[in-house]
mmCIF file of all heavy atoms, coordinates in Angstrom:
data_MODEL
# 
_entry.id   MODEL 
# 
loop_
_atom_site.group_PDB 
_atom_site.id 
_atom_site.type_symbol 
_atom_site.label_atom_id 
_atom_site.label_alt_id 
_atom_site.label_comp_id 
_atom_site.label_asym_id 
_atom_site.label_entity_id 
_atom_site.label_seq_id 
_atom_site.pdbx_PDB_ins_code 
_atom_site.Cartn_x 
_atom_site.Cartn_y 
_atom_site.Cartn_z 
_atom_site.occupancy 
_atom_site.B_iso_or_equiv 
_atom_site.pdbx_formal_charge 
_atom_site.auth_seq_id 
_atom_site.auth_comp_id 
_atom_site.auth_asym_id 
_atom_site.auth_atom_id 
_atom_site.pdbx_PDB_model_num 
ATOM 1   N N   . LEU A 1 1  ? 1.110   -0.402 6.863   1.00 0.00 ? 1  LEU A N   1 
ATOM 2   C CA  . LEU A 1 1  ? 2.507   -0.658 7.171   1.00 0.00 ? 1  LEU A CA  1 
ATOM 3   C C   . LEU A 1 1  ? 2.595   -1.228 8.579   1.00 0.00 ? 1  LEU A C   1 
ATOM 4   O O   . LEU A 1 1  ? 1.792   -0.882 9.449   1.00 0.00 ? 1  LEU A O   1 
ATOM 5   C CB  . LEU A 1 1  ? 3.325   0.630  7.109   1.00 0.00 ? 1  LEU A CB  1 
ATOM 6   C CG  . LEU A 1 1  ? 3.442   1.290  5.744   1.00 0.00 ? 1  LEU A CG  1 
ATOM 7   C CD1 . LEU A 1 1  ? 4.098   2.655  5.873   1.00 0.00 ? 1  LEU A CD1 1 
ATOM 8   C CD2 . LEU A 1 1  ? 4.229   0.411  4.794   1.00 0.00 ? 1  LEU A CD2 1 
ATOM 9   N N   . ARG A 1 2  ? 3.574   -2.093 8.800   1.00 0.00 ? 2  ARG A N   1 
ATOM 10  C CA  . ARG A 1 2  ? 3.806   -2.661 10.130  1.00 0.00 ? 2  ARG A CA  1 
ATOM 11  C C   . ARG A 1 2  ? 5.287   -2.507 10.444  1.00 0.00 ? 2  ARG A C   1 
ATOM 12  O O   . ARG A 1 2  ? 6.133   -2.848 9.636   1.00 0.00 ? 2  ARG A O   1 
ATOM 13  C CB  . ARG A 1 2  ? 3.420   -4.128 10.172  1.00 0.00 ? 2  ARG A CB  1 
ATOM 14  C CG  . ARG A 1 2  ? 3.670   -4.798 11.518  1.00 0.00 ? 2  ARG A CG  1 
ATOM 15  C CD  . ARG A 1 2  ? 3.342   -6.270 11.490  1.00 0.00 ? 2  ARG A CD  1 
ATOM 16  N NE  . ARG A 1 2  ? 1.958   -6.534 11.168  1.00 0.00 ? 2  ARG A NE  1 
ATOM 17  C CZ  . ARG A 1 2  ? 0.951   -6.533 12.053  1.00 0.00 ? 2  ARG A CZ  1 
ATOM 18  N NH1 . ARG A 1 2  ? 1.187   -6.273 13.308  1.00 0.00 ? 2  ARG A NH1 1 
ATOM 19  N NH2 . ARG A 1 2  ? -0.278  -6.798 11.658  1.00 0.00 ? 2  ARG A NH2 1 
ATOM 20  N N   . ASN A 1 3  ? 5.572   -1.972 11.620  1.00 0.00 ? 3  ASN A N   1 
ATOM 21  C CA  . ASN A 1 3  ? 6.938   -1.852 12.105  1.00 0.00 ? 3  ASN A CA  1 
ATOM 22  C C   . ASN A 1 3  ? 6.943   -2.427 13.512  1.00 0.00 ? 3  ASN A C   1 
ATOM 23  O O   . ASN A 1 3  ? 6.487   -1.775 14.451  1.00 0.00 ? 3  ASN A O   1 
ATOM 24  C CB  . ASN A 1 3  ? 7.391   -0.395 12.092  1.00 0.00 ? 3  ASN A CB  1 
ATOM 25  C CG  . ASN A 1 3  ? 8.872   -0.255 12.338  1.00 0.00 ? 3  ASN A CG  1 
ATOM 26  O OD1 . ASN A 1 3  ? 9.552   -1.216 12.683  1.00 0.00 ? 3  ASN A OD1 1 
ATOM 27  N ND2 . ASN A 1 3  ? 9.377   0.949  12.162  1.00 0.00 ? 3  ASN A ND2 1 
ATOM 28  N N   . ASN A 1 4  ? 7.407   -3.665 13.631  1.00 0.00 ? 4  ASN A N   1 
ATOM 29  C CA  . ASN A 1 4  ? 7.318   -4.431 14.881  1.00 0.00 ? 4  ASN A CA  1 
ATOM 30  C C   . ASN A 1 4  ? 5.856   -4.555 15.271  1.00 0.00 ? 4  ASN A C   1 
ATOM 31  O O   . ASN A 1 4  ? 5.074   -5.084 14.507  1.00 0.00 ? 4  ASN A O   1 
ATOM 32  C CB  . ASN A 1 4  ? 8.189   -3.807 15.966  1.00 0.00 ? 4  ASN A CB  1 
ATOM 33  C CG  . ASN A 1 4  ? 9.669   -3.813 15.577  1.00 0.00 ? 4  ASN A CG  1 
ATOM 34  O OD1 . ASN A 1 4  ? 10.161  -4.780 15.020  1.00 0.00 ? 4  ASN A OD1 1 
ATOM 35  N ND2 . ASN A 1 4  ? 10.363  -2.722 15.850  1.00 0.00 ? 4  ASN A ND2 1 
ATOM 36  N N   . ASP A 1 5  ? 5.468   -4.018 16.420  1.00 0.00 ? 5  ASP A N   1 
ATOM 37  C CA  . ASP A 1 5  ? 4.072   -4.128 16.862  1.00 0.00 ? 5  ASP A CA  1 
ATOM 38  C C   . ASP A 1 5  ? 3.227   -2.933 16.430  1.00 0.00 ? 5  ASP A C   1 
ATOM 39  O O   . ASP A 1 5  ? 2.031   -2.900 16.690  1.00 0.00 ? 5  ASP A O   1 
ATOM 40  C CB  . ASP A 1 5  ? 4.003   -4.274 18.384  1.00 0.00 ? 5  ASP A CB  1 
ATOM 41  C CG  . ASP A 1 5  ? 4.562   -5.604 18.863  1.00 0.00 ? 5  ASP A CG  1 
ATOM 42  O OD1 . ASP A 1 5  ? 4.515   -6.575 18.066  1.00 0.00 ? 5  ASP A OD1 1 
ATOM 43  O OD2 . ASP A 1 5  ? 5.051   -5.667 19.993  1.00 0.00 ? 5  ASP A OD2 1 
ATOM 44  N N   . LYS A 1 6  ? 3.831   -1.952 15.815  1.00 0.00 ? 6  LYS A N   1 
ATOM 45  C CA  . LYS A 1 6  ? 3.121   -0.737 15.405  1.00 0.00 ? 6  LYS A CA  1 
ATOM 46  C C   . LYS A 1 6  ? 2.552   -0.918 14.005  1.00 0.00 ? 6  LYS A C   1 
ATOM 47  O O   . LYS A 1 6  ? 3.262   -1.322 13.085  1.00 0.00 ? 6  LYS A O   1 
ATOM 48  C CB  . LYS A 1 6  ? 4.079   0.458  15.430  1.00 0.00 ? 6  LYS A CB  1 
ATOM 49  C CG  . LYS A 1 6  ? 3.446   1.765  15.057  1.00 0.00 ? 6  LYS A CG  1 
ATOM 50  C CD  . LYS A 1 6  ? 2.481   2.246  16.097  1.00 0.00 ? 6  LYS A CD  1 
ATOM 51  C CE  . LYS A 1 6  ? 1.952   3.609  15.714  1.00 0.00 ? 6  LYS A CE  1 
ATOM 52  N NZ  . LYS A 1 6  ? 0.901   4.051  16.599  1.00 0.00 ? 6  LYS A NZ  1 
ATOM 53  N N   . VAL A 1 7  ? 1.250   -0.637 13.849  1.00 0.00 ? 7  VAL A N   1 
ATOM 54  C CA  . VAL A 1 7  ? 0.585   -0.748 12.553  1.00 0.00 ? 7  VAL A CA  1 
ATOM 55  C C   . VAL A 1 7  ? 0.049   0.623  12.168  1.00 0.00 ? 7  VAL A C   1 
ATOM 56  O O   . VAL A 1 7  ? -0.595  1.301  12.981  1.00 0.00 ? 7  VAL A O   1 
ATOM 57  C CB  . VAL A 1 7  ? -0.573  -1.771 12.605  1.00 0.00 ? 7  VAL A CB  1 
ATOM 58  C CG1 . VAL A 1 7  ? -1.315  -1.805 11.275  1.00 0.00 ? 7  VAL A CG1 1 
ATOM 59  C CG2 . VAL A 1 7  ? -0.043  -3.151 12.956  1.00 0.00 ? 7  VAL A CG2 1 
ATOM 60  N N   . VAL A 1 8  ? 0.319   1.036  10.932  1.00 0.00 ? 8  VAL A N   1 
ATOM 61  C CA  . VAL A 1 8  ? -0.174  2.313  10.416  1.00 0.00 ? 8  VAL A CA  1 
ATOM 62  C C   . VAL A 1 8  ? -1.047  2.009  9.206   1.00 0.00 ? 8  VAL A C   1 
ATOM 63  O O   . VAL A 1 8  ? -0.563  1.499  8.189   1.00 0.00 ? 8  VAL A O   1 
ATOM 64  C CB  . VAL A 1 8  ? 0.985   3.252  10.007  1.00 0.00 ? 8  VAL A CB  1 
ATOM 65  C CG1 . VAL A 1 8  ? 0.443   4.555  9.434   1.00 0.00 ? 8  VAL A CG1 1 
ATOM 66  C CG2 . VAL A 1 8  ? 1.910   3.510  11.172  1.00 0.00 ? 8  VAL A CG2 1 
ATOM 67  N N   . ASP A 1 9  ? -2.350  2.293  9.323   1.00 0.00 ? 9  ASP A N   1 
ATOM 68  C CA  . ASP A 1 9  ? -3.258  2.119  8.191   1.00 0.00 ? 9  ASP A CA  1 
ATOM 69  C C   . ASP A 1 9  ? -3.060  3.273  7.217   1.00 0.00 ? 9  ASP A C   1 
ATOM 70  O O   . ASP A 1 9  ? -3.087  4.441  7.613   1.00 0.00 ? 9  ASP A O   1 
ATOM 71  C CB  . ASP A 1 9  ? -4.713  2.089  8.668   1.00 0.00 ? 9  ASP A CB  1 
ATOM 72  C CG  . ASP A 1 9  ? -5.066  0.762  9.312   1.00 0.00 ? 9  ASP A CG  1 
ATOM 73  O OD1 . ASP A 1 9  ? -4.656  -0.280 8.784   1.00 0.00 ? 9  ASP A OD1 1 
ATOM 74  O OD2 . ASP A 1 9  ? -5.751  0.769  10.353  1.00 0.00 ? 9  ASP A OD2 1 
ATOM 75  N N   . LEU A 1 10 ? -2.862  2.923  5.943   1.00 0.00 ? 10 LEU A N   1 
ATOM 76  C CA  . LEU A 1 10 ? -2.665  3.936  4.910   1.00 0.00 ? 10 LEU A CA  1 
ATOM 77  C C   . LEU A 1 10 ? -3.923  4.183  4.102   1.00 0.00 ? 10 LEU A C   1 
ATOM 78  O O   . LEU A 1 10 ? -4.182  5.315  3.692   1.00 0.00 ? 10 LEU A O   1 
ATOM 79  C CB  . LEU A 1 10 ? -1.531  3.511  3.957   1.00 0.00 ? 10 LEU A CB  1 
ATOM 80  C CG  . LEU A 1 10 ? -0.160  3.319  4.592   1.00 0.00 ? 10 LEU A CG  1 
ATOM 81  C CD1 . LEU A 1 10 ? 0.830   2.788  3.553   1.00 0.00 ? 10 LEU A CD1 1 
ATOM 82  C CD2 . LEU A 1 10 ? 0.333   4.627  5.192   1.00 0.00 ? 10 LEU A CD2 1 
ATOM 83  N N   . ALA A 1 11 ? -4.699  3.129  3.850   1.00 0.00 ? 11 ALA A N   1 
ATOM 84  C CA  . ALA A 1 11 ? -5.894  3.310  3.021   1.00 0.00 ? 11 ALA A CA  1 
ATOM 85  C C   . ALA A 1 11 ? -6.803  2.096  3.110   1.00 0.00 ? 11 ALA A C   1 
ATOM 86  O O   . ALA A 1 11 ? -6.363  0.986  3.413   1.00 0.00 ? 11 ALA A O   1 
ATOM 87  C CB  . ALA A 1 11 ? -5.487  3.515  1.561   1.00 0.00 ? 11 ALA A CB  1 
ATOM 88  N N   . LYS A 1 12 ? -8.065  2.352  2.828   1.00 0.00 ? 12 LYS A N   1 
ATOM 89  C CA  . LYS A 1 12 ? -9.056  1.305  2.585   1.00 0.00 ? 12 LYS A CA  1 
ATOM 90  C C   . LYS A 1 12 ? -9.555  1.582  1.173   1.00 0.00 ? 12 LYS A C   1 
ATOM 91  O O   . LYS A 1 12 ? -10.062 2.670  0.895   1.00 0.00 ? 12 LYS A O   1 
ATOM 92  C CB  . LYS A 1 12 ? -10.198 1.395  3.604   1.00 0.00 ? 12 LYS A CB  1 
ATOM 93  C CG  . LYS A 1 12 ? -11.249 0.329  3.418   1.00 0.00 ? 12 LYS A CG  1 
ATOM 94  C CD  . LYS A 1 12 ? -12.336 0.465  4.494   1.00 0.00 ? 12 LYS A CD  1 
ATOM 95  C CE  . LYS A 1 12 ? -13.447 -0.531 4.264   1.00 0.00 ? 12 LYS A CE  1 
ATOM 96  N NZ  . LYS A 1 12 ? -14.511 -0.392 5.271   1.00 0.00 ? 12 LYS A NZ  1 
ATOM 97  N N   . LEU A 1 13 ? -9.373  0.620  0.278   1.00 0.00 ? 13 LEU A N   1 
ATOM 98  C CA  . LEU A 1 13 ? -9.690  0.831  -1.129  1.00 0.00 ? 13 LEU A CA  1 
ATOM 99  C C   . LEU A 1 13 ? -10.818 -0.086 -1.573  1.00 0.00 ? 13 LEU A C   1 
ATOM 100 O O   . LEU A 1 13 ? -10.960 -1.192 -1.061  1.00 0.00 ? 13 LEU A O   1 
ATOM 101 C CB  . LEU A 1 13 ? -8.455  0.551  -1.991  1.00 0.00 ? 13 LEU A CB  1 
ATOM 102 C CG  . LEU A 1 13 ? -7.187  1.333  -1.644  1.00 0.00 ? 13 LEU A CG  1 
ATOM 103 C CD1 . LEU A 1 13 ? -6.030  0.866  -2.505  1.00 0.00 ? 13 LEU A CD1 1 
ATOM 104 C CD2 . LEU A 1 13 ? -7.419  2.823  -1.796  1.00 0.00 ? 13 LEU A CD2 1 
ATOM 105 N N   . GLY A 1 14 ? -11.593 0.395  -2.550  1.00 0.00 ? 14 GLY A N   1 
ATOM 106 C CA  . GLY A 1 14 ? -12.709 -0.374 -3.072  1.00 0.00 ? 14 GLY A CA  1 
ATOM 107 C C   . GLY A 1 14 ? -12.761 -0.356 -4.590  1.00 0.00 ? 14 GLY A C   1 
ATOM 108 O O   . GLY A 1 14 ? -11.774 -0.023 -5.263  1.00 0.00 ? 14 GLY A O   1 
ATOM 109 N N   . LYS A 1 15 ? -13.915 -0.674 -5.106  1.00 0.00 ? 15 LYS A N   1 
ATOM 110 C CA  . LYS A 1 15 ? -14.150 -0.848 -6.542  1.00 0.00 ? 15 LYS A CA  1 
ATOM 111 C C   . LYS A 1 15 ? -13.509 0.260  -7.379  1.00 0.00 ? 15 LYS A C   1 
ATOM 112 O O   . LYS A 1 15 ? -13.610 1.439  -7.071  1.00 0.00 ? 15 LYS A O   1 
ATOM 113 C CB  . LYS A 1 15 ? -15.652 -0.898 -6.814  1.00 0.00 ? 15 LYS A CB  1 
ATOM 114 C CG  . LYS A 1 15 ? -16.011 -1.188 -8.268  1.00 0.00 ? 15 LYS A CG  1 
ATOM 115 C CD  . LYS A 1 15 ? -17.492 -1.400 -8.436  1.00 0.00 ? 15 LYS A CD  1 
ATOM 116 C CE  . LYS A 1 15 ? -17.966 -1.525 -9.847  1.00 0.00 ? 15 LYS A CE  1 
ATOM 117 N NZ  . LYS A 1 15 ? -17.160 -2.250 -10.774 1.00 0.00 ? 15 LYS A NZ  1 
ATOM 118 N N   . ASP A 1 16 ? -12.836 -0.170 -8.449  1.00 0.00 ? 16 ASP A N   1 
ATOM 119 C CA  . ASP A 1 16 ? -12.182 0.678  -9.442  1.00 0.00 ? 16 ASP A CA  1 
ATOM 120 C C   . ASP A 1 16 ? -10.930 1.395  -8.938  1.00 0.00 ? 16 ASP A C   1 
ATOM 121 O O   . ASP A 1 16 ? -10.352 2.198  -9.668  1.00 0.00 ? 16 ASP A O   1 
ATOM 122 C CB  . ASP A 1 16 ? -13.155 1.700  -10.043 1.00 0.00 ? 16 ASP A CB  1 
ATOM 123 C CG  . ASP A 1 16 ? -14.265 1.035  -10.853 1.00 0.00 ? 16 ASP A CG  1 
ATOM 124 O OD1 . ASP A 1 16 ? -14.027 -0.071 -11.386 1.00 0.00 ? 16 ASP A OD1 1 
ATOM 125 O OD2 . ASP A 1 16 ? -15.363 1.608  -10.942 1.00 0.00 ? 16 ASP A OD2 1 
ATOM 126 N N   . GLU A 1 17 ? -10.480 1.090  -7.719  1.00 0.00 ? 17 GLU A N   1 
ATOM 127 C CA  . GLU A 1 17 ? -9.234  1.682  -7.234  1.00 0.00 ? 17 GLU A CA  1 
ATOM 128 C C   . GLU A 1 17 ? -8.082  0.713  -7.522  1.00 0.00 ? 17 GLU A C   1 
ATOM 129 O O   . GLU A 1 17 ? -8.277  -0.486 -7.656  1.00 0.00 ? 17 GLU A O   1 
ATOM 130 C CB  . GLU A 1 17 ? -9.333  2.015  -5.753  1.00 0.00 ? 17 GLU A CB  1 
ATOM 131 C CG  . GLU A 1 17 ? -10.346 3.131  -5.505  1.00 0.00 ? 17 GLU A CG  1 
ATOM 132 C CD  . GLU A 1 17 ? -10.351 3.624  -4.085  1.00 0.00 ? 17 GLU A CD  1 
ATOM 133 O OE1 . GLU A 1 17 ? -10.979 2.964  -3.235  1.00 0.00 ? 17 GLU A OE1 1 
ATOM 134 O OE2 . GLU A 1 17 ? -9.709  4.674  -3.837  1.00 0.00 ? 17 GLU A OE2 1 
ATOM 135 N N   . ILE A 1 18 ? -6.881  1.276  -7.617  1.00 0.00 ? 18 ILE A N   1 
ATOM 136 C CA  . ILE A 1 18 ? -5.691  0.507  -7.992  1.00 0.00 ? 18 ILE A CA  1 
ATOM 137 C C   . ILE A 1 18 ? -4.669  0.569  -6.864  1.00 0.00 ? 18 ILE A C   1 
ATOM 138 O O   . ILE A 1 18 ? -4.516  1.602  -6.214  1.00 0.00 ? 18 ILE A O   1 
ATOM 139 C CB  . ILE A 1 18 ? -5.080  1.073  -9.299  1.00 0.00 ? 18 ILE A CB  1 
ATOM 140 C CG1 . ILE A 1 18 ? -6.068  0.910  -10.455 1.00 0.00 ? 18 ILE A CG1 1 
ATOM 141 C CG2 . ILE A 1 18 ? -3.749  0.400  -9.622  1.00 0.00 ? 18 ILE A CG2 1 
ATOM 142 C CD1 . ILE A 1 18 ? -5.635  1.554  -11.750 1.00 0.00 ? 18 ILE A CD1 1 
ATOM 143 N N   . PHE A 1 19 ? -3.969  -0.551 -6.660  1.00 0.00 ? 19 PHE A N   1 
ATOM 144 C CA  . PHE A 1 19 ? -2.881  -0.576 -5.681  1.00 0.00 ? 19 PHE A CA  1 
ATOM 145 C C   . PHE A 1 19 ? -1.747  -1.440 -6.206  1.00 0.00 ? 19 PHE A C   1 
ATOM 146 O O   . PHE A 1 19 ? -1.929  -2.251 -7.099  1.00 0.00 ? 19 PHE A O   1 
ATOM 147 C CB  . PHE A 1 19 ? -3.363  -1.071 -4.309  1.00 0.00 ? 19 PHE A CB  1 
ATOM 148 C CG  . PHE A 1 19 ? -3.896  -2.477 -4.317  1.00 0.00 ? 19 PHE A CG  1 
ATOM 149 C CD1 . PHE A 1 19 ? -3.054  -3.551 -4.063  1.00 0.00 ? 19 PHE A CD1 1 
ATOM 150 C CD2 . PHE A 1 19 ? -5.238  -2.732 -4.571  1.00 0.00 ? 19 PHE A CD2 1 
ATOM 151 C CE1 . PHE A 1 19 ? -3.551  -4.854 -4.075  1.00 0.00 ? 19 PHE A CE1 1 
ATOM 152 C CE2 . PHE A 1 19 ? -5.735  -4.032 -4.574  1.00 0.00 ? 19 PHE A CE2 1 
ATOM 153 C CZ  . PHE A 1 19 ? -4.882  -5.095 -4.331  1.00 0.00 ? 19 PHE A CZ  1 
ATOM 154 N N   . GLY A 1 20 ? -0.545  -1.213 -5.623  1.00 0.00 ? 20 GLY A N   1 
ATOM 155 C CA  . GLY A 1 20 ? 0.629   -1.974 -6.019  1.00 0.00 ? 20 GLY A CA  1 
ATOM 156 C C   . GLY A 1 20 ? 1.391   -1.379 -7.180  1.00 0.00 ? 20 GLY A C   1 
ATOM 157 O O   . GLY A 1 20 ? 2.461   -1.856 -7.546  1.00 0.00 ? 20 GLY A O   1 
ATOM 158 N N   . GLU A 1 21 ? 0.874   -0.320 -7.747  1.00 0.00 ? 21 GLU A N   1 
ATOM 159 C CA  . GLU A 1 21 ? 1.475   0.244  -8.959  1.00 0.00 ? 21 GLU A CA  1 
ATOM 160 C C   . GLU A 1 21 ? 2.717   1.074  -8.677  1.00 0.00 ? 21 GLU A C   1 
ATOM 161 O O   . GLU A 1 21 ? 3.615   1.143  -9.517  1.00 0.00 ? 21 GLU A O   1 
ATOM 162 C CB  . GLU A 1 21 ? 0.448   1.087  -9.723  1.00 0.00 ? 21 GLU A CB  1 
ATOM 163 C CG  . GLU A 1 21 ? 0.171   2.463  -9.158  1.00 0.00 ? 21 GLU A CG  1 
ATOM 164 C CD  . GLU A 1 21 ? -0.543  2.484  -7.813  1.00 0.00 ? 21 GLU A CD  1 
ATOM 165 O OE1 . GLU A 1 21 ? -1.117  1.480  -7.400  1.00 0.00 ? 21 GLU A OE1 1 
ATOM 166 O OE2 . GLU A 1 21 ? -0.519  3.551  -7.170  1.00 0.00 ? 21 GLU A OE2 1 
ATOM 167 N N   . THR A 1 22 ? 2.801   1.695  -7.519  1.00 0.00 ? 22 THR A N   1 
ATOM 168 C CA  . THR A 1 22 ? 3.919   2.614  -7.278  1.00 0.00 ? 22 THR A CA  1 
ATOM 169 C C   . THR A 1 22 ? 5.269   1.905  -7.303  1.00 0.00 ? 22 THR A C   1 
ATOM 170 O O   . THR A 1 22 ? 6.216   2.406  -7.901  1.00 0.00 ? 22 THR A O   1 
ATOM 171 C CB  . THR A 1 22 ? 3.753   3.375  -5.951  1.00 0.00 ? 22 THR A CB  1 
ATOM 172 O OG1 . THR A 1 22 ? 3.601   2.434  -4.885  1.00 0.00 ? 22 THR A OG1 1 
ATOM 173 C CG2 . THR A 1 22 ? 2.552   4.285  -5.996  1.00 0.00 ? 22 THR A CG2 1 
ATOM 174 N N   . SER A 1 23 ? 5.367   0.752  -6.700  1.00 0.00 ? 23 SER A N   1 
ATOM 175 C CA  . SER A 1 23 ? 6.634   0.018  -6.687  1.00 0.00 ? 23 SER A CA  1 
ATOM 176 C C   . SER A 1 23 ? 6.996   -0.497 -8.072  1.00 0.00 ? 23 SER A C   1 
ATOM 177 O O   . SER A 1 23 ? 8.174   -0.650 -8.394  1.00 0.00 ? 23 SER A O   1 
ATOM 178 C CB  . SER A 1 23 ? 6.557   -1.146 -5.702  1.00 0.00 ? 23 SER A CB  1 
ATOM 179 O OG  . SER A 1 23 ? 6.352   -0.643 -4.406  1.00 0.00 ? 23 SER A OG  1 
ATOM 180 N N   . MET A 1 24 ? 5.994   -0.771 -8.897  1.00 0.00 ? 24 MET A N   1 
ATOM 181 C CA  . MET A 1 24 ? 6.268   -1.248 -10.251 1.00 0.00 ? 24 MET A CA  1 
ATOM 182 C C   . MET A 1 24 ? 6.940   -0.159 -11.086 1.00 0.00 ? 24 MET A C   1 
ATOM 183 O O   . MET A 1 24 ? 7.765   -0.441 -11.943 1.00 0.00 ? 24 MET A O   1 
ATOM 184 C CB  . MET A 1 24 ? 4.987   -1.729 -10.921 1.00 0.00 ? 24 MET A CB  1 
ATOM 185 C CG  . MET A 1 24 ? 4.453   -3.013 -10.306 1.00 0.00 ? 24 MET A CG  1 
ATOM 186 S SD  . MET A 1 24 ? 2.923   -3.559 -11.074 1.00 0.00 ? 24 MET A SD  1 
ATOM 187 C CE  . MET A 1 24 ? 3.503   -4.042 -12.696 1.00 0.00 ? 24 MET A CE  1 
ATOM 188 N N   . PHE A 1 25 ? 6.600   1.102  -10.818 1.00 0.00 ? 25 PHE A N   1 
ATOM 189 C CA  . PHE A 1 25 ? 7.208   2.202  -11.564 1.00 0.00 ? 25 PHE A CA  1 
ATOM 190 C C   . PHE A 1 25 ? 8.679   2.362  -11.212 1.00 0.00 ? 25 PHE A C   1 
ATOM 191 O O   . PHE A 1 25 ? 9.470   2.830  -12.020 1.00 0.00 ? 25 PHE A O   1 
ATOM 192 C CB  . PHE A 1 25 ? 6.480   3.518  -11.288 1.00 0.00 ? 25 PHE A CB  1 
ATOM 193 C CG  . PHE A 1 25 ? 5.246   3.710  -12.109 1.00 0.00 ? 25 PHE A CG  1 
ATOM 194 C CD1 . PHE A 1 25 ? 4.004   3.355  -11.620 1.00 0.00 ? 25 PHE A CD1 1 
ATOM 195 C CD2 . PHE A 1 25 ? 5.321   4.243  -13.381 1.00 0.00 ? 25 PHE A CD2 1 
ATOM 196 C CE1 . PHE A 1 25 ? 2.861   3.522  -12.374 1.00 0.00 ? 25 PHE A CE1 1 
ATOM 197 C CE2 . PHE A 1 25 ? 4.176   4.416  -14.149 1.00 0.00 ? 25 PHE A CE2 1 
ATOM 198 C CZ  . PHE A 1 25 ? 2.942   4.057  -13.637 1.00 0.00 ? 25 PHE A CZ  1 
ATOM 199 N N   . THR A 1 26 ? 9.033   2.011  -9.993  1.00 0.00 ? 26 THR A N   1 
ATOM 200 C CA  . THR A 1 26 ? 10.411  2.183  -9.542  1.00 0.00 ? 26 THR A CA  1 
ATOM 201 C C   . THR A 1 26 ? 11.190  0.881  -9.614  1.00 0.00 ? 26 THR A C   1 
ATOM 202 O O   . THR A 1 26 ? 12.328  0.819  -9.183  1.00 0.00 ? 26 THR A O   1 
ATOM 203 C CB  . THR A 1 26 ? 10.444  2.723  -8.098  1.00 0.00 ? 26 THR A CB  1 
ATOM 204 O OG1 . THR A 1 26 ? 9.732   1.823  -7.243  1.00 0.00 ? 26 THR A OG1 1 
ATOM 205 C CG2 . THR A 1 26 ? 9.825   4.104  -8.023  1.00 0.00 ? 26 THR A CG2 1 
ATOM 206 N N   . ASP A 1 27 ? 10.561  -0.197 -10.134 1.00 0.00 ? 27 ASP A N   1 
ATOM 207 C CA  . ASP A 1 27 ? 11.203  -1.507 -10.265 1.00 0.00 ? 27 ASP A CA  1 
ATOM 208 C C   . ASP A 1 27 ? 11.814  -1.926 -8.932  1.00 0.00 ? 27 ASP A C   1 
ATOM 209 O O   . ASP A 1 27 ? 12.987  -2.245 -8.837  1.00 0.00 ? 27 ASP A O   1 
ATOM 210 C CB  . ASP A 1 27 ? 12.258  -1.487 -11.373 1.00 0.00 ? 27 ASP A CB  1 
ATOM 211 C CG  . ASP A 1 27 ? 12.703  -2.906 -11.744 1.00 0.00 ? 27 ASP A CG  1 
ATOM 212 O OD1 . ASP A 1 27 ? 11.871  -3.839 -11.629 1.00 0.00 ? 27 ASP A OD1 1 
ATOM 213 O OD2 . ASP A 1 27 ? 13.859  -3.071 -12.134 1.00 0.00 ? 27 ASP A OD2 1 
ATOM 214 N N   . SER A 1 28 ? 10.992  -1.896 -7.900  1.00 0.00 ? 28 SER A N   1 
ATOM 215 C CA  . SER A 1 28 ? 11.488  -2.200 -6.572  1.00 0.00 ? 28 SER A CA  1 
ATOM 216 C C   . SER A 1 28 ? 10.564  -3.189 -5.863  1.00 0.00 ? 28 SER A C   1 
ATOM 217 O O   . SER A 1 28 ? 9.940   -4.031 -6.494  1.00 0.00 ? 28 SER A O   1 
ATOM 218 C CB  . SER A 1 28 ? 11.629  -0.910 -5.768  1.00 0.00 ? 28 SER A CB  1 
ATOM 219 O OG  . SER A 1 28 ? 10.363  -0.294 -5.599  1.00 0.00 ? 28 SER A OG  1 
# 
C-alpha cells in the first residue's frame, strides 16, 4: 500500500499463491 510517500509492504508472494481475489468477492 502507498499513502503519499509512506509505503507499507503487505506480502511477498510466490509459486501457487493467489492475489487480487479479495476485491473480486466484494465487487469493488
